[in-house]
């Protein structure tokens, strides 16, 4: 990751990388021979989880076989409560845009916004892509 000036910072064991099966990519049945051929769909997922305040943020970068890249963000946490009372200590009417949790305690509504940028040349411009086609042996 990077620090506040943009310089790289190494965090050991900060990500999880795994391949995920997501069902059938394609399937074809030959009606004459009755033979069916199918290929499973796989995707590469790179995950990191960060705890900030009362939330855990999970970022999943998903690389699919069609060369698409998707960012999936998941949040878990607890509501952040605010105390609401007037100067006499008596209950005040709830402020707008809140959920009343209990007497004099509310949880404000809020949103989370995320922006991401991918630097495809993070290791320079010598990146490459390889494709492997699996073909049956002749006569089999």
Protein backbone atom coordinates (compact mmCIF):
# COMPACT_ATOMS: atom_id res chain seq x y z
CA UNK A 1 0.00 0.00 0.00
CA UNK A 2 1.11 3.61 0.15
CA UNK A 3 1.56 6.22 2.87
CA UNK A 4 0.16 9.76 2.87
CA UNK A 5 2.88 10.99 0.46
CA UNK A 6 2.34 8.13 -2.00
CA UNK A 7 5.50 6.20 -1.10
CA UNK A 8 5.12 2.40 -0.99
CA UNK A 9 4.77 0.71 2.41
CA UNK A 10 5.07 -3.07 2.86
CA UNK A 11 2.63 -4.74 5.25
CA UNK A 12 3.46 -8.44 5.75
CA UNK A 13 0.58 -10.95 5.42
CA UNK A 14 -1.85 -8.19 4.47
CA UNK A 15 -3.65 -9.90 1.58
CA UNK A 16 -5.22 -13.24 0.76
CA UNK A 17 -5.07 -14.59 -2.82
CA UNK A 18 -7.25 -17.48 -3.94
CA UNK A 19 -8.89 -18.96 -7.03
CA UNK A 20 -12.64 -19.39 -6.94
CA UNK A 21 -14.88 -21.67 -8.99
CA UNK A 22 -17.95 -19.73 -10.14
CA UNK A 23 -19.85 -22.35 -12.12
CA UNK A 24 -19.93 -23.38 -15.75
CA UNK A 25 -18.17 -21.01 -18.17
CA UNK A 26 -19.52 -22.75 -21.24
CA UNK A 27 -21.14 -26.06 -22.16
CA UNK A 28 -21.81 -27.70 -25.52
CA UNK A 29 -23.64 -30.96 -26.27
CA UNK A 30 -23.33 -32.59 -29.67
CA UNK A 31 -26.79 -34.00 -30.46
CA UNK A 32 -25.39 -36.51 -32.97
CA UNK A 33 -22.76 -38.13 -30.77
CA UNK A 34 -24.36 -37.34 -27.43
CA UNK A 35 -20.99 -36.07 -26.22
CA UNK A 36 -21.00 -33.09 -23.88
CA UNK A 37 -18.06 -30.78 -23.26
CA UNK A 38 -18.01 -28.12 -20.57
CA UNK A 39 -15.47 -25.80 -18.96
CA UNK A 40 -15.60 -24.44 -15.44
CA UNK A 41 -15.29 -20.71 -14.81
CA UNK A 42 -12.54 -19.63 -12.44
CA UNK A 43 -11.66 -16.22 -11.09
CA UNK A 44 -8.72 -14.92 -9.11
CA UNK A 45 -9.61 -13.00 -5.95
CA UNK A 46 -7.24 -10.77 -3.98
CA UNK A 47 -8.69 -9.80 -0.60
CA UNK A 48 -7.66 -7.45 2.18
CA UNK A 49 -9.52 -6.45 5.34
CA UNK A 50 -8.98 -3.19 7.26
CA UNK A 51 -10.46 -2.12 10.57
CA UNK A 52 -11.18 1.61 10.81
CA UNK A 53 -13.13 2.91 13.77
CA UNK A 54 -16.30 0.88 14.23
CA UNK A 55 -16.14 -0.84 10.81
CA UNK A 56 -14.27 -3.68 9.15
CA UNK A 57 -13.84 -3.04 5.43
CA UNK A 58 -13.21 -6.00 3.10
CA UNK A 59 -11.92 -5.21 -0.39
CA UNK A 60 -12.10 -8.03 -2.96
CA UNK A 61 -10.37 -7.46 -6.31
CA UNK A 62 -11.86 -10.03 -8.71
CA UNK A 63 -10.04 -10.92 -11.93
CA UNK A 64 -12.23 -12.96 -14.30
CA UNK A 65 -11.39 -15.08 -17.35
CA UNK A 66 -13.01 -12.56 -19.67
CA UNK A 67 -10.31 -10.03 -18.57
CA UNK A 68 -12.79 -8.02 -16.50
CA UNK A 69 -11.74 -6.59 -13.15
CA UNK A 70 -14.30 -5.99 -10.43
CA UNK A 71 -13.97 -4.40 -7.01
CA UNK A 72 -16.32 -5.76 -4.35
CA UNK A 73 -16.44 -3.90 -1.02
CA UNK A 74 -18.05 -5.37 2.09
CA UNK A 75 -18.58 -3.56 5.39
CA UNK A 76 -19.39 -4.98 8.78
CA UNK A 77 -19.50 -3.12 12.03
CA UNK A 78 -21.59 -1.65 14.78
CA UNK A 79 -23.65 1.52 14.65
CA UNK A 80 -22.03 4.66 15.97
CA UNK A 81 -24.34 6.10 18.62
CA UNK A 82 -24.84 9.71 19.65
CA UNK A 83 -26.35 10.96 22.90
CA UNK A 84 -29.30 13.32 22.43
CA UNK A 85 -30.72 15.35 25.32
CA UNK A 86 -31.50 18.99 26.03
CA UNK A 87 -29.78 21.01 28.78
CA UNK A 88 -32.38 19.97 31.38
CA UNK A 89 -31.59 16.31 30.81
CA UNK A 90 -35.09 15.68 29.51
CA UNK A 91 -35.41 13.67 26.28
CA UNK A 92 -35.21 15.84 23.18
CA UNK A 93 -37.10 15.18 20.00
CA UNK A 94 -34.92 12.99 17.78
CA UNK A 95 -32.88 14.91 15.23
CA UNK A 96 -33.67 14.23 11.57
CA UNK A 97 -31.78 11.49 9.73
CA UNK A 98 -31.30 9.27 12.78
CA UNK A 99 -32.68 6.02 14.14
CA UNK A 100 -33.69 6.04 17.80
CA UNK A 101 -31.76 3.24 19.52
CA UNK A 102 -33.02 3.86 23.08
CA UNK A 103 -33.94 6.79 25.30
CA UNK A 104 -31.67 9.74 24.35
CA UNK A 105 -29.50 7.53 22.10
CA UNK A 106 -29.64 7.72 18.30
CA UNK A 107 -27.67 6.32 15.39
CA UNK A 108 -27.16 8.80 12.51
CA UNK A 109 -27.73 7.73 8.93
CA UNK A 110 -24.63 7.94 6.78
CA UNK A 111 -23.04 6.64 3.58
CA UNK A 112 -19.67 5.25 2.62
CA UNK A 113 -18.04 6.19 -0.69
CA UNK A 114 -15.03 4.44 -2.19
CA UNK A 115 -12.79 5.36 -5.10
CA UNK A 116 -10.10 3.12 -6.58
CA UNK A 117 -7.35 3.49 -9.15
CA UNK A 118 -5.38 0.68 -10.76
CA UNK A 119 -1.76 1.27 -11.76
CA UNK A 120 -1.21 -1.44 -14.38
CA UNK A 121 2.52 -0.67 -14.59
CA UNK A 122 3.29 -0.94 -10.88
CA UNK A 123 6.30 -3.18 -11.69
CA UNK A 124 7.23 -1.35 -14.90
CA UNK A 125 6.08 -1.93 -18.45
CA UNK A 126 7.37 -5.51 -18.80
CA UNK A 127 4.07 -7.10 -17.71
CA UNK A 128 2.71 -9.92 -19.86
CA UNK A 129 -0.26 -12.22 -20.20
CA UNK A 130 -0.13 -15.91 -21.09
CA UNK A 131 -2.95 -18.14 -22.30
CA UNK A 132 -2.95 -21.93 -22.08
CA UNK A 133 -5.32 -24.04 -24.20
CA UNK A 134 -5.86 -27.61 -23.03
CA UNK A 135 -6.48 -29.96 -25.98
CA UNK A 136 -7.16 -33.70 -25.97
CA UNK A 137 -4.52 -36.08 -27.30
CA UNK A 138 -5.13 -37.29 -30.87
CA UNK A 139 -6.97 -40.59 -31.05
CA UNK A 140 -8.47 -40.33 -27.58
